[in-house]
Protein backbone atom coordinates (compact mmCIF):
# COMPACT_ATOMS: atom_id res chain seq x y z
CA MET A 1 -89.46 43.01 43.40
CA SER A 2 -89.98 42.87 39.65
CA GLU A 3 -89.62 39.65 37.70
CA ALA A 4 -86.64 41.08 35.70
CA SER A 5 -84.63 42.00 38.78
CA GLU A 6 -85.31 38.58 40.26
CA ILE A 7 -83.90 36.91 37.12
CA ARG A 8 -80.78 39.10 37.30
CA GLN A 9 -80.20 38.11 40.91
CA ARG A 10 -80.57 34.42 40.09
CA GLY A 11 -78.06 34.69 37.22
CA SER A 12 -75.41 36.62 39.16
CA LYS A 13 -72.41 34.92 40.74
CA PRO A 14 -72.47 34.43 44.48
CA ALA A 15 -70.55 37.19 46.25
CA GLU A 16 -67.48 36.30 48.26
CA VAL A 17 -67.95 37.19 51.91
CA PRO A 18 -64.68 38.19 53.64
CA GLY A 19 -63.57 35.55 56.11
CA ALA A 20 -66.11 33.03 54.88
CA GLU A 21 -65.23 29.59 53.49
CA PRO A 22 -65.30 29.65 49.65
CA SER A 23 -67.99 27.57 48.09
CA ASN A 24 -67.26 24.59 45.83
CA GLU A 25 -68.33 26.65 42.85
CA GLN A 26 -65.83 29.40 43.72
CA ILE A 27 -62.98 26.87 44.16
CA LEU A 28 -63.69 25.24 40.81
CA THR A 29 -63.81 28.65 39.10
CA LYS A 30 -60.35 29.61 40.44
CA ILE A 31 -58.88 26.26 39.38
CA ALA A 32 -60.30 26.67 35.88
CA LYS A 33 -58.83 30.16 35.57
CA THR A 34 -55.40 28.92 36.68
CA GLU A 35 -55.43 26.02 34.23
CA ASP A 36 -56.53 28.29 31.38
CA LYS A 37 -53.35 30.33 31.72
CA GLY A 38 -51.09 27.28 31.33
CA THR A 39 -47.54 27.51 29.82
CA PRO A 40 -47.13 30.24 27.17
CA VAL A 41 -47.23 28.77 23.66
CA PHE A 42 -43.87 30.33 22.71
CA LEU A 43 -42.05 28.86 25.71
CA GLU A 44 -43.65 25.50 25.11
CA ALA A 45 -42.48 25.54 21.47
CA VAL A 46 -38.93 26.51 22.46
CA ARG A 47 -38.81 23.78 25.07
CA THR A 48 -40.02 21.21 22.54
CA LEU A 49 -37.47 22.31 19.90
CA LEU A 50 -34.60 22.17 22.40
CA LEU A 51 -35.65 18.71 23.48
CA LEU A 52 -35.80 17.51 19.86
CA LEU A 53 -32.37 19.06 19.15
CA ILE A 54 -30.79 17.33 22.14
CA VAL A 55 -32.35 13.98 21.25
CA SER A 56 -31.31 14.33 17.57
CA SER A 57 -27.72 15.28 18.49
CA ALA A 58 -27.41 12.40 20.93
CA LEU A 59 -28.80 9.95 18.38
CA SER A 60 -26.47 11.30 15.68
CA TYR A 61 -23.41 10.82 17.87
CA PHE A 62 -24.61 7.33 18.86
CA VAL A 63 -24.98 6.35 15.20
CA THR A 64 -21.94 8.10 13.68
CA ARG A 65 -19.70 7.89 16.78
CA GLU A 66 -18.11 11.23 15.82
CA ASP A 67 -20.64 13.86 14.80
CA ILE A 68 -23.74 15.43 16.36
CA PHE A 69 -25.05 17.01 13.15
CA TRP A 70 -25.64 13.82 11.09
CA GLY A 71 -22.66 14.61 8.87
CA MET A 72 -24.03 18.01 7.85
CA LYS A 73 -21.78 21.05 7.65
CA ARG A 74 -21.57 22.59 11.09
CA PRO A 75 -22.96 26.15 11.20
CA ALA A 76 -20.18 28.72 11.47
CA TRP A 77 -21.77 30.53 14.40
CA THR A 78 -21.52 27.42 16.59
CA ARG A 79 -17.72 27.50 16.53
CA PRO A 80 -15.96 29.45 19.32
CA ALA A 81 -13.22 30.67 16.97
CA VAL A 82 -15.80 32.21 14.65
CA LEU A 83 -17.64 33.90 17.50
CA LYS A 84 -14.35 35.26 18.83
CA THR A 85 -13.48 36.68 15.42
CA TRP A 86 -16.87 38.35 15.11
CA LEU A 87 -16.48 39.92 18.54
CA ASN A 88 -12.94 41.15 17.86
CA GLY A 89 -13.79 42.60 14.47
CA PRO A 90 -11.44 42.71 11.45
CA GLN A 91 -7.75 42.97 12.31
CA GLU A 92 -4.65 44.04 10.41
CA PHE A 93 -1.21 42.41 10.48
CA THR A 94 1.91 43.12 8.51
CA ASP A 95 3.74 40.25 6.81
CA GLU A 96 6.28 40.45 9.62
CA ASP A 97 3.53 40.25 12.25
CA LEU A 98 2.14 37.09 10.64
CA LYS A 99 5.35 35.15 11.17
CA LYS A 100 4.74 34.63 14.88
CA TYR A 101 1.38 32.97 14.16
CA ASP A 102 2.89 29.90 12.48
CA GLY A 103 1.97 27.49 15.28
CA SER A 104 5.35 27.50 16.99
CA ASP A 105 3.81 29.17 20.04
CA PRO A 106 0.97 26.94 21.34
CA GLU A 107 -0.53 29.93 23.14
CA LEU A 108 -1.15 31.76 19.85
CA PRO A 109 -3.59 30.91 17.05
CA ILE A 110 -2.32 29.76 13.67
CA TYR A 111 -2.90 32.20 10.84
CA LEU A 112 -2.29 32.02 7.12
CA ALA A 113 -3.08 34.53 4.41
CA ILE A 114 -4.02 34.19 0.78
CA ASN A 115 -4.39 37.12 -1.58
CA GLY A 116 -4.05 39.48 1.39
CA THR A 117 -6.86 37.98 3.50
CA ILE A 118 -5.94 36.33 6.81
CA TYR A 119 -7.64 33.17 8.13
CA ASP A 120 -7.45 31.41 11.47
CA VAL A 121 -6.56 27.76 10.76
CA SER A 122 -6.05 26.78 14.40
CA GLN A 123 -8.68 24.05 14.13
CA GLY A 124 -6.45 22.34 11.59
CA ARG A 125 -3.41 22.47 13.87
CA ARG A 126 -2.32 18.94 13.01
CA HIS A 127 -2.08 20.03 9.35
CA TYR A 128 -0.92 23.63 9.73
CA GLY A 129 1.07 23.35 12.95
CA PRO A 130 4.77 22.37 13.22
CA GLY A 131 5.32 19.00 11.55
CA GLY A 132 2.03 19.24 9.66
CA SER A 133 1.85 18.65 5.92
CA TYR A 134 0.73 22.26 5.27
CA HIS A 135 2.87 23.99 7.84
CA PHE A 136 4.74 25.94 5.15
CA PHE A 137 1.58 28.02 4.57
CA SER A 138 1.32 29.10 8.20
CA GLY A 139 2.44 32.52 9.38
CA ALA A 140 2.65 33.93 5.85
CA ASP A 141 0.81 34.98 2.73
CA ALA A 142 1.91 32.23 0.36
CA SER A 143 -0.36 33.14 -2.55
CA ARG A 144 2.37 32.37 -5.10
CA ALA A 145 2.92 28.86 -3.72
CA PHE A 146 -0.81 28.10 -3.89
CA VAL A 147 -0.47 28.45 -7.69
CA THR A 148 3.03 27.12 -8.40
CA ASN A 149 3.11 24.39 -5.72
CA CYS A 150 6.72 25.39 -5.01
CA PHE A 151 6.31 25.33 -1.24
CA LYS A 152 9.97 25.93 -0.53
CA ASP A 153 10.69 28.83 -2.87
CA ASP A 154 7.38 30.65 -3.29
CA ILE A 155 6.15 31.48 0.22
CA THR A 156 5.40 35.03 -0.88
CA PRO A 157 2.40 37.12 -1.95
CA ASP A 158 4.37 38.42 -4.98
CA MET A 159 2.58 37.09 -8.06
CA ARG A 160 4.73 38.83 -10.68
CA GLY A 161 5.61 36.52 -13.54
CA VAL A 162 3.62 33.52 -12.27
CA GLU A 163 1.63 33.45 -15.51
CA GLU A 164 4.78 32.28 -17.33
CA MET A 165 4.22 28.79 -15.96
CA PHE A 166 1.12 28.54 -18.16
CA MET A 167 2.76 30.02 -21.24
CA PRO A 168 4.43 27.89 -23.96
CA LEU A 169 8.17 27.99 -24.41
CA ASP A 170 9.67 29.77 -27.37
CA ASP A 171 11.24 27.38 -29.85
CA PRO A 172 13.18 28.76 -32.84
CA GLU A 173 12.21 25.87 -35.08
CA VAL A 174 8.47 26.17 -34.36
CA ASP A 175 8.45 29.97 -34.13
CA SER A 176 10.01 30.23 -37.62
CA LEU A 177 6.79 28.79 -39.01
CA TYR A 178 4.93 31.96 -37.94
CA THR A 179 5.30 35.51 -39.18
CA SER A 180 6.53 38.13 -36.71
CA GLY A 181 3.04 39.65 -36.61
CA GLN A 182 1.44 36.30 -35.87
CA LEU A 183 3.93 35.63 -33.07
CA LYS A 184 3.29 39.04 -31.50
CA VAL A 185 -0.47 38.56 -31.44
CA MET A 186 -0.12 34.95 -30.29
CA ARG A 187 2.14 35.85 -27.38
CA GLN A 188 -0.30 38.53 -26.25
CA GLN A 189 -3.14 36.02 -26.32
CA GLU A 190 -1.02 33.41 -24.55
CA ARG A 191 -0.15 35.83 -21.73
CA LYS A 192 -3.76 36.90 -21.25
CA LYS A 193 -4.91 33.28 -21.14
CA ALA A 194 -2.10 32.44 -18.69
CA LYS A 195 -3.05 35.32 -16.37
CA ASP A 196 -6.66 34.13 -16.41
CA GLN A 197 -5.40 30.69 -15.41
CA VAL A 198 -3.39 32.16 -12.51
CA HIS A 199 -6.46 34.09 -11.36
CA ALA A 200 -8.64 30.97 -11.54
CA ASN A 201 -6.14 28.85 -9.58
CA LEU A 202 -5.69 31.46 -6.87
CA LYS A 203 -9.44 32.10 -6.67
CA HIS A 204 -10.05 28.39 -6.17
CA TRP A 205 -8.04 28.41 -2.94
CA ALA A 206 -9.28 31.83 -1.84
CA ASP A 207 -12.87 30.58 -2.24
CA PHE A 208 -12.02 27.44 -0.28
CA PHE A 209 -10.95 29.41 2.80
CA GLU A 210 -13.64 32.06 2.34
CA GLY A 211 -16.35 29.41 2.29
CA SER A 212 -14.97 27.35 5.17
CA SER A 213 -16.82 27.49 8.49
CA LYS A 214 -13.81 25.81 10.06
CA TYR A 215 -11.31 28.56 9.25
CA PRO A 216 -12.79 31.99 10.07
CA LYS A 217 -11.58 35.18 8.44
CA VAL A 218 -9.45 37.31 10.78
CA GLY A 219 -8.68 40.40 8.71
CA ARG A 220 -6.27 41.74 6.12
CA VAL A 221 -2.53 41.98 5.59
CA LYS A 222 -1.38 45.58 5.92
CA ARG A 223 1.05 46.62 3.18
CA GLN A 224 2.29 49.76 1.48
CA LYS A 225 0.24 50.89 -1.48
CA ASP A 226 2.86 50.01 -4.12
CA TRP A 227 4.29 46.92 -2.43
CA GLU A 228 3.78 44.67 -5.46
CA THR A 229 6.17 46.75 -7.60
CA ARG A 230 9.03 46.85 -5.10
CA GLY A 231 12.11 44.68 -5.27
CA GLU A 232 13.17 42.28 -7.99
CA LYS A 233 10.63 40.20 -9.83
CA PRO A 234 10.69 36.59 -8.48
CA VAL A 235 12.19 33.93 -10.70
CA LEU A 236 9.83 31.19 -11.81
CA CYS A 237 10.56 28.19 -9.62
CA LYS A 238 12.05 25.04 -11.10
CA ARG A 239 8.93 22.91 -10.76
CA ALA A 240 6.73 25.49 -12.48
CA HIS A 241 9.29 26.05 -15.23
CA GLU A 242 9.65 22.36 -15.95
CA GLY A 243 5.90 22.08 -16.49
CA ARG A 244 5.99 24.41 -19.48
CA LYS A 245 5.60 22.98 -23.00
CA LYS A 246 6.71 24.13 -26.42
CA ARG A 247 4.36 26.16 -28.61
CA ASP A 248 2.33 24.15 -31.08
CA PRO A 249 3.19 24.60 -34.75
CA PRO A 250 0.56 26.22 -36.99
CA PRO A 251 -2.04 23.86 -38.43
CA LYS A 252 -1.25 22.54 -41.89
CA ALA A 253 -3.19 24.12 -44.73
């Protein structure tokens, strides 16, 4: 036997003989291989993160006595109502359909609409349900009331003429100080500015519901294409009218 082949034989692992007792070296080798596999790194990381989340949530509730997210805004996807809305997809309701979702039936969710978009406000049932301070908004698109604050008269999506509440009143004594041309231009500017104010006020509330994780979007109100031009133009409610002021006189030269 050559010297090289003898070295190879010495360096080779002992062969396992079927039926024979494994040697100590073979047992230790198998144990080492098993331990090397261990728990996958990904699963170990997930398990650690879940444990930290549970501990953090428990500690938050222990400290705050009411919240498991340390006062942070709860993610929308953690709320059952939001998940349900995502699964159902966008829905359409007529104004008549919306009426039955005003909280009177405890088996149904509470919906309100603003600017044609419907939101589920069931999580605020004590506010939007029967007897709640905002119940007048439920089961309807009350866009006009969101601007005028006339919660009894303006539960309607019809915004025609709302801008008048931000326009100054005509006053013969003051108006006589302007030329007819000046008054015409001024009234045009006043109306444009008033419409911008209506848009800003309505957008404020629309953005509030759109950005709320508590009140998920349900869908849209289904209406005829020219619905906003049908019927008589609403009269400006008393509260909105009383808030109007007289036009300022022209500055003195």
